[in-house]
C-alpha cells in the first residue's frame, strides 16, 4: 500500500502546471494576461511592476480571467506575477524611444472592423479545435499514468517471487 501511495504521488507530480505570462503595451497601458498550462486564468494572482533598479512601482491583482491592465509611463521595467506555491513568472519589458514615439503617434495601420471580425471568428474556430485536442490529450495522459501504475505493479509482483 505504501508503494502504491508513493507511485501515485509521483504520477501526480508529472502533470504539474506552469504559469504563463503575456504582456502587451499600448497607449501607455500595459495589458497583462497570466494563465496556467491547462488554460485556466491565474485568479487573484499578485502582479508587481518594478523599475530597472528593482524598486516597486505598482502592485495589483489579476481578475477572474487572469488579466489586468496598468497605466505606466516607464521605458524599462519588470513584470512579475506570483500565483503562490512556487509559481512565479517574470518578464522584462524594454521600450526604445522609437517604439514609444510610434505608440504615441498612433502610426500603426488602421484596420477595418469587418477584418477584425473575420480574424476573431477564425481565432475562435482555432480555440475550439485546440480545446478538443487538449481534452484528448488529457485522456491520453490519464491512460498513460494508469499503464505506468499497472506496469509498476507487474514489476513488483515479479520481483517478490
N, C-alpha and C. Protein backbone atom coordinates (compact mmCIF):
# COMPACT_ATOMS: atom_id res chain seq x y z
N UNK A 1 0.83 -1.20 0.00
CA UNK A 1 0.00 0.00 0.00
C UNK A 1 0.87 1.26 0.00
N UNK A 2 1.98 1.21 0.75
CA UNK A 2 2.87 2.36 0.79
C UNK A 2 3.48 2.63 -0.59
N UNK A 3 3.80 1.55 -1.28
CA UNK A 3 4.38 1.70 -2.61
C UNK A 3 3.37 2.34 -3.56
N UNK A 4 2.13 1.88 -3.49
CA UNK A 4 1.07 2.44 -4.34
C UNK A 4 0.90 3.93 -4.07
N UNK A 5 0.92 4.32 -2.80
CA UNK A 5 0.77 5.72 -2.44
C UNK A 5 1.95 6.54 -2.98
N UNK A 6 3.15 6.02 -2.84
CA UNK A 6 4.33 6.72 -3.33
C UNK A 6 4.29 6.86 -4.85
N UNK A 7 3.89 5.81 -5.55
CA UNK A 7 3.82 5.87 -7.00
C UNK A 7 2.73 6.82 -7.49
N UNK A 8 1.61 6.84 -6.80
CA UNK A 8 0.54 7.75 -7.22
C UNK A 8 0.95 9.21 -7.01
N UNK A 9 1.67 9.50 -5.93
CA UNK A 9 2.16 10.86 -5.72
C UNK A 9 3.18 11.24 -6.79
N UNK A 10 4.01 10.29 -7.19
CA UNK A 10 4.98 10.53 -8.24
C UNK A 10 4.28 10.84 -9.57
N UNK A 11 3.22 10.09 -9.87
CA UNK A 11 2.49 10.31 -11.13
C UNK A 11 1.78 11.67 -11.12
N UNK A 12 1.26 12.09 -9.99
CA UNK A 12 0.58 13.38 -9.93
C UNK A 12 1.55 14.52 -10.18
N UNK A 13 2.79 14.37 -9.73
CA UNK A 13 3.77 15.44 -9.93
C UNK A 13 4.22 15.55 -11.37
N UNK A 14 4.00 14.50 -12.17
CA UNK A 14 4.38 14.55 -13.58
C UNK A 14 3.56 15.57 -14.36
N UNK A 15 2.34 15.83 -13.90
CA UNK A 15 1.44 16.71 -14.63
C UNK A 15 1.32 18.08 -13.95
N UNK A 16 2.40 18.57 -13.37
CA UNK A 16 2.39 19.88 -12.71
C UNK A 16 2.12 20.97 -13.74
N UNK A 17 1.60 22.09 -13.29
CA UNK A 17 1.25 23.16 -14.22
C UNK A 17 2.25 24.31 -14.15
N UNK A 18 2.37 25.01 -15.26
CA UNK A 18 3.31 26.10 -15.40
C UNK A 18 2.52 27.40 -15.56
N UNK A 19 3.05 28.47 -15.02
CA UNK A 19 2.42 29.78 -15.13
C UNK A 19 2.96 30.49 -16.36
N UNK A 20 2.07 30.90 -17.26
CA UNK A 20 2.44 31.63 -18.48
C UNK A 20 2.08 33.09 -18.31
N UNK A 21 2.92 33.96 -18.85
CA UNK A 21 2.72 35.40 -18.73
C UNK A 21 2.85 36.05 -20.10
N UNK A 22 1.82 36.78 -20.51
CA UNK A 22 1.85 37.53 -21.76
C UNK A 22 1.54 38.98 -21.46
N UNK A 23 2.26 39.87 -22.13
CA UNK A 23 2.05 41.30 -21.93
C UNK A 23 1.91 41.99 -23.27
N UNK A 24 1.18 43.10 -23.27
CA UNK A 24 1.03 43.94 -24.45
C UNK A 24 1.01 45.38 -23.97
N UNK A 25 1.78 46.23 -24.61
CA UNK A 25 1.89 47.62 -24.20
C UNK A 25 1.32 48.49 -25.31
N UNK A 26 0.30 49.27 -24.99
CA UNK A 26 -0.33 50.12 -25.98
C UNK A 26 -0.88 51.38 -25.32
N UNK A 27 -0.55 52.54 -25.90
CA UNK A 27 -1.03 53.84 -25.39
C UNK A 27 -0.75 54.02 -23.90
N UNK A 28 0.47 53.73 -23.49
CA UNK A 28 0.95 53.85 -22.11
C UNK A 28 0.14 52.99 -21.13
N UNK A 29 -0.50 51.94 -21.64
CA UNK A 29 -1.21 50.98 -20.81
C UNK A 29 -0.61 49.60 -21.03
N UNK A 30 -0.28 48.94 -19.94
CA UNK A 30 0.27 47.59 -20.00
C UNK A 30 -0.86 46.60 -19.74
N UNK A 31 -1.09 45.71 -20.70
CA UNK A 31 -2.10 44.67 -20.56
C UNK A 31 -1.39 43.36 -20.22
N UNK A 32 -1.80 42.75 -19.12
CA UNK A 32 -1.15 41.53 -18.63
C UNK A 32 -2.16 40.40 -18.62
N UNK A 33 -1.74 39.24 -19.11
CA UNK A 33 -2.56 38.04 -19.09
C UNK A 33 -1.71 36.91 -18.51
N UNK A 34 -2.18 36.32 -17.42
CA UNK A 34 -1.46 35.22 -16.77
C UNK A 34 -2.38 34.02 -16.68
N UNK A 35 -1.89 32.87 -17.16
CA UNK A 35 -2.70 31.67 -17.09
C UNK A 35 -1.79 30.44 -16.98
N UNK A 36 -2.42 29.34 -16.57
CA UNK A 36 -1.68 28.10 -16.39
C UNK A 36 -1.67 27.32 -17.70
N UNK A 37 -0.86 26.27 -17.76
CA UNK A 37 -0.71 25.48 -18.99
C UNK A 37 -2.02 24.84 -19.43
N UNK A 38 -2.93 24.59 -18.51
CA UNK A 38 -4.20 23.99 -18.88
C UNK A 38 -5.21 25.01 -19.39
N UNK A 39 -4.84 26.30 -19.45
CA UNK A 39 -5.71 27.33 -19.99
C UNK A 39 -6.50 28.10 -18.96
N UNK A 40 -6.47 27.68 -17.71
CA UNK A 40 -7.19 28.40 -16.66
C UNK A 40 -6.45 29.68 -16.30
N UNK A 41 -7.21 30.77 -16.14
CA UNK A 41 -6.61 32.04 -15.77
C UNK A 41 -6.09 32.01 -14.34
N UNK A 42 -5.06 32.76 -14.09
CA UNK A 42 -4.47 32.86 -12.76
C UNK A 42 -5.30 33.87 -11.96
N UNK A 43 -6.27 33.39 -11.20
CA UNK A 43 -7.20 34.25 -10.48
C UNK A 43 -6.57 34.85 -9.23
N UNK A 44 -6.79 36.14 -9.04
CA UNK A 44 -6.31 36.87 -7.86
C UNK A 44 -4.82 36.66 -7.59
N UNK A 45 -4.04 36.60 -8.66
CA UNK A 45 -2.59 36.47 -8.52
C UNK A 45 -1.98 37.86 -8.36
N UNK A 46 -0.95 37.94 -7.54
CA UNK A 46 -0.30 39.21 -7.26
C UNK A 46 0.59 39.62 -8.44
N UNK A 47 0.40 40.85 -8.92
CA UNK A 47 1.18 41.40 -10.02
C UNK A 47 1.99 42.57 -9.49
N UNK A 48 3.31 42.51 -9.71
CA UNK A 48 4.19 43.60 -9.28
C UNK A 48 4.90 44.17 -10.49
N UNK A 49 4.96 45.50 -10.55
CA UNK A 49 5.70 46.21 -11.57
C UNK A 49 6.88 46.87 -10.87
N UNK A 50 8.11 46.53 -11.33
CA UNK A 50 9.32 47.08 -10.72
C UNK A 50 10.12 47.80 -11.80
N UNK A 51 10.82 48.86 -11.39
CA UNK A 51 11.65 49.58 -12.34
C UNK A 51 12.96 48.82 -12.56
N UNK A 52 13.85 49.39 -13.37
CA UNK A 52 15.09 48.69 -13.71
C UNK A 52 16.00 48.47 -12.51
N UNK A 53 15.80 49.25 -11.43
CA UNK A 53 16.57 49.08 -10.20
C UNK A 53 15.87 48.15 -9.21
N UNK A 54 14.82 47.48 -9.68
CA UNK A 54 14.04 46.52 -8.89
C UNK A 54 13.25 47.18 -7.76
N UNK A 55 12.96 48.48 -7.88
CA UNK A 55 12.12 49.16 -6.90
C UNK A 55 10.66 49.02 -7.32
N UNK A 56 9.80 48.74 -6.37
CA UNK A 56 8.39 48.50 -6.66
C UNK A 56 7.71 49.79 -7.12
N UNK A 57 7.09 49.72 -8.32
CA UNK A 57 6.35 50.85 -8.85
C UNK A 57 4.85 50.71 -8.56
N UNK A 58 4.32 49.53 -8.85
CA UNK A 58 2.89 49.28 -8.63
C UNK A 58 2.69 47.83 -8.21
N UNK A 59 1.58 47.60 -7.53
CA UNK A 59 1.22 46.25 -7.11
C UNK A 59 -0.29 46.13 -7.24
N UNK A 60 -0.75 45.06 -7.88
CA UNK A 60 -2.18 44.84 -8.06
C UNK A 60 -2.44 43.34 -8.16
N UNK A 61 -3.69 42.96 -8.42
CA UNK A 61 -4.06 41.56 -8.53
C UNK A 61 -4.85 41.33 -9.82
N UNK A 62 -4.75 40.12 -10.35
CA UNK A 62 -5.46 39.79 -11.58
C UNK A 62 -6.94 39.54 -11.28
N UNK A 63 -7.77 39.61 -12.32
CA UNK A 63 -9.20 39.33 -12.17
C UNK A 63 -9.45 37.83 -12.33
N UNK A 64 -10.71 37.44 -12.47
CA UNK A 64 -11.06 36.02 -12.57
C UNK A 64 -10.53 35.38 -13.84
N UNK A 65 -10.30 36.18 -14.88
CA UNK A 65 -9.76 35.66 -16.14
C UNK A 65 -8.24 35.64 -16.15
N UNK A 66 -7.61 36.16 -15.11
CA UNK A 66 -6.15 36.21 -15.04
C UNK A 66 -5.59 37.41 -15.79
N UNK A 67 -6.39 38.47 -15.92
CA UNK A 67 -5.96 39.64 -16.68
C UNK A 67 -5.99 40.88 -15.81
N UNK A 68 -5.15 41.85 -16.19
CA UNK A 68 -5.12 43.15 -15.51
C UNK A 68 -4.49 44.16 -16.48
N UNK A 69 -4.92 45.41 -16.37
CA UNK A 69 -4.30 46.47 -17.17
C UNK A 69 -3.81 47.56 -16.23
N UNK A 70 -2.63 48.09 -16.53
CA UNK A 70 -1.98 49.06 -15.66
C UNK A 70 -1.46 50.21 -16.53
N UNK A 71 -1.70 51.43 -16.10
CA UNK A 71 -1.13 52.60 -16.77
C UNK A 71 0.29 52.79 -16.25
N UNK A 72 1.24 52.88 -17.17
CA UNK A 72 2.64 53.02 -16.79
C UNK A 72 3.37 53.87 -17.82
N UNK A 73 4.28 54.71 -17.35
CA UNK A 73 4.98 55.62 -18.24
C UNK A 73 6.48 55.32 -18.31
N UNK A 74 6.92 54.25 -17.72
CA UNK A 74 8.34 53.87 -17.72
C UNK A 74 8.73 53.26 -19.07
N UNK A 75 10.02 53.33 -19.39
CA UNK A 75 10.53 52.71 -20.61
C UNK A 75 11.04 51.29 -20.35
N UNK A 76 11.67 51.09 -19.20
CA UNK A 76 12.23 49.79 -18.84
C UNK A 76 11.68 49.38 -17.48
N UNK A 77 11.08 48.21 -17.44
CA UNK A 77 10.52 47.73 -16.18
C UNK A 77 10.36 46.22 -16.22
N UNK A 78 10.10 45.65 -15.05
CA UNK A 78 9.89 44.21 -14.91
C UNK A 78 8.45 43.97 -14.46
N UNK A 79 7.85 42.91 -15.00
CA UNK A 79 6.51 42.48 -14.60
C UNK A 79 6.67 41.11 -13.94
N UNK A 80 6.10 40.96 -12.77
CA UNK A 80 6.18 39.70 -12.04
C UNK A 80 4.79 39.29 -11.58
N UNK A 81 4.40 38.03 -11.87
CA UNK A 81 3.11 37.50 -11.44
C UNK A 81 3.39 36.33 -10.51
N UNK A 82 2.82 36.40 -9.30
CA UNK A 82 3.01 35.37 -8.29
C UNK A 82 1.69 34.66 -8.03
N UNK A 83 1.65 33.35 -8.35
CA UNK A 83 0.44 32.56 -8.16
C UNK A 83 0.51 31.73 -6.88
N UNK A 84 1.49 31.99 -6.04
CA UNK A 84 1.73 31.26 -4.79
C UNK A 84 2.13 29.82 -5.10
N UNK A 85 2.63 29.15 -4.12
CA UNK A 85 3.03 27.76 -4.29
C UNK A 85 4.23 27.59 -5.20
N UNK A 86 5.07 28.61 -5.33
CA UNK A 86 6.26 28.50 -6.15
C UNK A 86 6.05 28.81 -7.62
N UNK A 87 4.85 29.21 -8.00
CA UNK A 87 4.57 29.53 -9.39
C UNK A 87 4.71 31.03 -9.60
N UNK A 88 5.84 31.43 -10.17
CA UNK A 88 6.12 32.84 -10.41
C UNK A 88 6.60 32.99 -11.86
N UNK A 89 6.07 34.00 -12.54
CA UNK A 89 6.51 34.31 -13.90
C UNK A 89 6.97 35.76 -13.92
N UNK A 90 8.13 36.01 -14.54
CA UNK A 90 8.68 37.36 -14.61
C UNK A 90 9.06 37.66 -16.05
N UNK A 91 8.85 38.92 -16.42
CA UNK A 91 9.18 39.34 -17.78
C UNK A 91 9.75 40.76 -17.75
N UNK A 92 10.83 40.97 -18.50
CA UNK A 92 11.43 42.30 -18.61
C UNK A 92 10.87 42.96 -19.86
N UNK A 93 10.46 44.23 -19.72
CA UNK A 93 9.93 44.98 -20.85
C UNK A 93 10.80 46.21 -21.04
N UNK A 94 11.34 46.34 -22.26
CA UNK A 94 12.18 47.48 -22.61
C UNK A 94 11.65 48.10 -23.89
N UNK A 95 11.30 49.36 -23.81
CA UNK A 95 10.81 50.07 -24.98
C UNK A 95 11.85 51.08 -25.42
N UNK A 96 12.19 51.05 -26.69
CA UNK A 96 13.11 52.05 -27.21
C UNK A 96 12.34 53.35 -27.44
N UNK A 97 13.07 54.42 -27.64
CA UNK A 97 12.42 55.72 -27.86
C UNK A 97 11.57 55.70 -29.12
N UNK A 98 12.03 54.97 -30.15
CA UNK A 98 11.28 54.89 -31.40
C UNK A 98 9.95 54.17 -31.21
N UNK A 99 9.97 53.05 -30.46
CA UNK A 99 8.73 52.32 -30.19
C UNK A 99 7.76 53.18 -29.40
N UNK A 100 8.27 53.86 -28.41
CA UNK A 100 7.43 54.71 -27.58
C UNK A 100 6.82 55.84 -28.42
N UNK A 101 7.61 56.44 -29.32
CA UNK A 101 7.11 57.51 -30.18
C UNK A 101 6.07 56.97 -31.16
N UNK A 102 6.29 55.78 -31.69
CA UNK A 102 5.33 55.18 -32.62
C UNK A 102 4.00 54.92 -31.93
N UNK A 103 4.05 54.50 -30.67
CA UNK A 103 2.82 54.26 -29.91
C UNK A 103 2.09 55.58 -29.69
N UNK A 104 2.83 56.63 -29.36
CA UNK A 104 2.21 57.93 -29.12
C UNK A 104 1.60 58.50 -30.40
N UNK A 105 2.28 58.33 -31.54
CA UNK A 105 1.82 58.89 -32.80
C UNK A 105 0.69 58.09 -33.43
N UNK A 106 0.42 56.91 -32.89
CA UNK A 106 -0.58 56.02 -33.49
C UNK A 106 -0.29 55.81 -34.97
N UNK A 107 0.95 55.54 -35.29
CA UNK A 107 1.35 55.37 -36.68
C UNK A 107 1.09 53.96 -37.20
N UNK A 108 0.34 53.18 -36.47
CA UNK A 108 0.01 51.84 -36.92
C UNK A 108 -1.09 51.90 -37.97
N UNK A 109 -1.15 50.87 -38.82
CA UNK A 109 -2.16 50.83 -39.87
C UNK A 109 -3.56 50.75 -39.25
N UNK A 110 -4.50 51.42 -39.87
CA UNK A 110 -5.88 51.31 -39.43
C UNK A 110 -6.47 50.04 -40.04
N UNK A 111 -7.27 49.35 -39.27
CA UNK A 111 -7.83 48.07 -39.69
C UNK A 111 -9.34 48.20 -39.70
N UNK A 112 -9.95 47.70 -40.74
CA UNK A 112 -11.41 47.73 -40.81
C UNK A 112 -12.02 46.82 -39.76
N UNK A 113 -13.20 47.20 -39.28
CA UNK A 113 -13.88 46.41 -38.27
C UNK A 113 -14.26 45.03 -38.82
N UNK A 114 -14.64 44.98 -40.07
CA UNK A 114 -15.01 43.69 -40.66
C UNK A 114 -13.81 42.74 -40.71
N UNK A 115 -12.63 43.28 -40.96
CA UNK A 115 -11.42 42.45 -40.95
C UNK A 115 -11.17 41.88 -39.56
N UNK A 116 -11.40 42.71 -38.56
CA UNK A 116 -11.22 42.24 -37.19
C UNK A 116 -12.24 41.16 -36.84
N UNK A 117 -13.46 41.32 -37.29
CA UNK A 117 -14.49 40.31 -37.02
C UNK A 117 -14.16 38.99 -37.69
N UNK A 118 -13.64 39.05 -38.92
CA UNK A 118 -13.24 37.83 -39.62
C UNK A 118 -12.10 37.14 -38.87
N UNK A 119 -11.13 37.93 -38.45
CA UNK A 119 -10.00 37.38 -37.70
C UNK A 119 -10.46 36.78 -36.38
N UNK A 120 -11.41 37.44 -35.74
CA UNK A 120 -11.95 36.95 -34.47
C UNK A 120 -12.64 35.60 -34.67
N UNK A 121 -13.43 35.47 -35.71
CA UNK A 121 -14.10 34.19 -35.99
C UNK A 121 -13.09 33.09 -36.28
N UNK A 122 -12.05 33.43 -37.04
CA UNK A 122 -11.01 32.44 -37.35
C UNK A 122 -10.31 31.98 -36.07
N UNK A 123 -10.01 32.93 -35.18
CA UNK A 123 -9.34 32.58 -33.93
C UNK A 123 -10.25 31.76 -33.01
N UNK A 124 -11.54 32.08 -33.00
CA UNK A 124 -12.48 31.30 -32.20
C UNK A 124 -12.52 29.85 -32.67
N UNK A 125 -12.51 29.65 -33.97
CA UNK A 125 -12.51 28.28 -34.51
C UNK A 125 -11.23 27.55 -34.11
N UNK A 126 -10.10 28.24 -34.14
CA UNK A 126 -8.84 27.62 -33.73
C UNK A 126 -8.87 27.25 -32.25
N UNK A 127 -9.42 28.13 -31.43
CA UNK A 127 -9.50 27.87 -29.99
C UNK A 127 -10.35 26.63 -29.73
N UNK A 128 -11.48 26.50 -30.41
CA UNK A 128 -12.33 25.32 -30.23
C UNK A 128 -11.59 24.05 -30.63
N UNK A 129 -10.86 24.11 -31.73
CA UNK A 129 -10.10 22.94 -32.17
C UNK A 129 -9.02 22.58 -31.15
N UNK A 130 -8.34 23.59 -30.62
CA UNK A 130 -7.30 23.33 -29.62
C UNK A 130 -7.89 22.80 -28.32
N UNK A 131 -9.07 23.27 -27.94
CA UNK A 131 -9.71 22.76 -26.72
C UNK A 131 -10.06 21.29 -26.88
N UNK A 132 -10.55 20.90 -28.05
CA UNK A 132 -10.87 19.48 -28.25
C UNK A 132 -9.60 18.63 -28.23
N UNK A 133 -8.49 19.15 -28.82
CA UNK A 133 -7.23 18.42 -28.76
C UNK A 133 -6.73 18.29 -27.32
N UNK A 134 -6.92 19.35 -26.53
CA UNK A 134 -6.49 19.32 -25.14
C UNK A 134 -7.27 18.27 -24.35
N UNK A 135 -8.57 18.16 -24.61
CA UNK A 135 -9.36 17.13 -23.94
C UNK A 135 -8.85 15.75 -24.29
N UNK A 136 -8.52 15.52 -25.58
CA UNK A 136 -7.98 14.23 -26.00
C UNK A 136 -6.64 13.95 -25.33
N UNK A 137 -5.80 14.97 -25.21
CA UNK A 137 -4.51 14.80 -24.57
C UNK A 137 -4.67 14.45 -23.09
N UNK A 138 -5.64 15.05 -22.41
CA UNK A 138 -5.87 14.73 -21.00
C UNK A 138 -6.28 13.28 -20.84
N UNK A 139 -7.09 12.77 -21.75
CA UNK A 139 -7.50 11.36 -21.68
C UNK A 139 -6.28 10.48 -21.89
N UNK A 140 -5.43 10.83 -22.87
CA UNK A 140 -4.23 10.05 -23.12
C UNK A 140 -3.26 10.08 -21.94
N UNK A 141 -3.15 11.23 -21.29
CA UNK A 141 -2.29 11.33 -20.10
C UNK A 141 -2.79 10.42 -18.99
N UNK A 142 -4.09 10.38 -18.79
CA UNK A 142 -4.67 9.53 -17.76
C UNK A 142 -4.42 8.06 -18.08
N UNK A 143 -4.63 7.68 -19.33
CA UNK A 143 -4.40 6.29 -19.73
C UNK A 143 -2.93 5.93 -19.55
N UNK A 144 -2.03 6.83 -19.94
CA UNK A 144 -0.60 6.59 -19.77
C UNK A 144 -0.24 6.40 -18.30
N UNK A 145 -0.78 7.26 -17.43
CA UNK A 145 -0.50 7.15 -15.99
C UNK A 145 -0.99 5.81 -15.46
N UNK A 146 -2.17 5.38 -15.87
CA UNK A 146 -2.69 4.08 -15.42
C UNK A 146 -1.82 2.94 -15.92
N UNK A 147 -1.36 3.01 -17.16
CA UNK A 147 -0.48 1.96 -17.69
C UNK A 147 0.85 1.92 -16.93
N UNK A 148 1.38 3.08 -16.56
CA UNK A 148 2.62 3.12 -15.78
C UNK A 148 2.40 2.46 -14.42
N UNK A 149 1.29 2.75 -13.78
CA UNK A 149 0.99 2.15 -12.47
C UNK A 149 0.83 0.65 -12.59
N UNK A 150 0.09 0.20 -13.60
CA UNK A 150 -0.10 -1.24 -13.80
C UNK A 150 1.25 -1.91 -14.08
N UNK A 151 2.09 -1.28 -14.89
CA UNK A 151 3.41 -1.83 -15.18
C UNK A 151 4.27 -1.93 -13.93
N UNK A 152 4.22 -0.93 -13.09
CA UNK A 152 4.99 -0.97 -11.85
C UNK A 152 4.51 -2.08 -10.92
N UNK A 153 3.19 -2.25 -10.83
CA UNK A 153 2.67 -3.34 -10.01
C UNK A 153 3.09 -4.69 -10.58
N UNK A 154 3.10 -4.82 -11.90
CA UNK A 154 3.53 -6.07 -12.52
C UNK A 154 4.99 -6.36 -12.19
N UNK A 155 5.83 -5.33 -12.28
CA UNK A 155 7.25 -5.49 -11.97
C UNK A 155 7.44 -5.86 -10.49
N UNK A 156 6.69 -5.20 -9.60
CA UNK A 156 6.80 -5.50 -8.17
C UNK A 156 6.35 -6.93 -7.88
N UNK A 157 5.32 -7.38 -8.56
CA UNK A 157 4.84 -8.75 -8.37
C UNK A 157 5.90 -9.75 -8.80
N UNK A 158 6.58 -9.46 -9.92
CA UNK A 158 7.63 -10.36 -10.41
C UNK A 158 8.83 -10.37 -9.46
N UNK A 159 9.16 -9.23 -8.88
CA UNK A 159 10.31 -9.14 -8.00
C UNK A 159 10.06 -9.92 -6.70
N UNK A 160 8.84 -9.90 -6.20
CA UNK A 160 8.53 -10.58 -4.95
C UNK A 160 8.64 -12.09 -5.09
N UNK A 161 8.46 -12.64 -6.27
CA UNK A 161 8.55 -14.09 -6.46
C UNK A 161 9.93 -14.53 -6.39
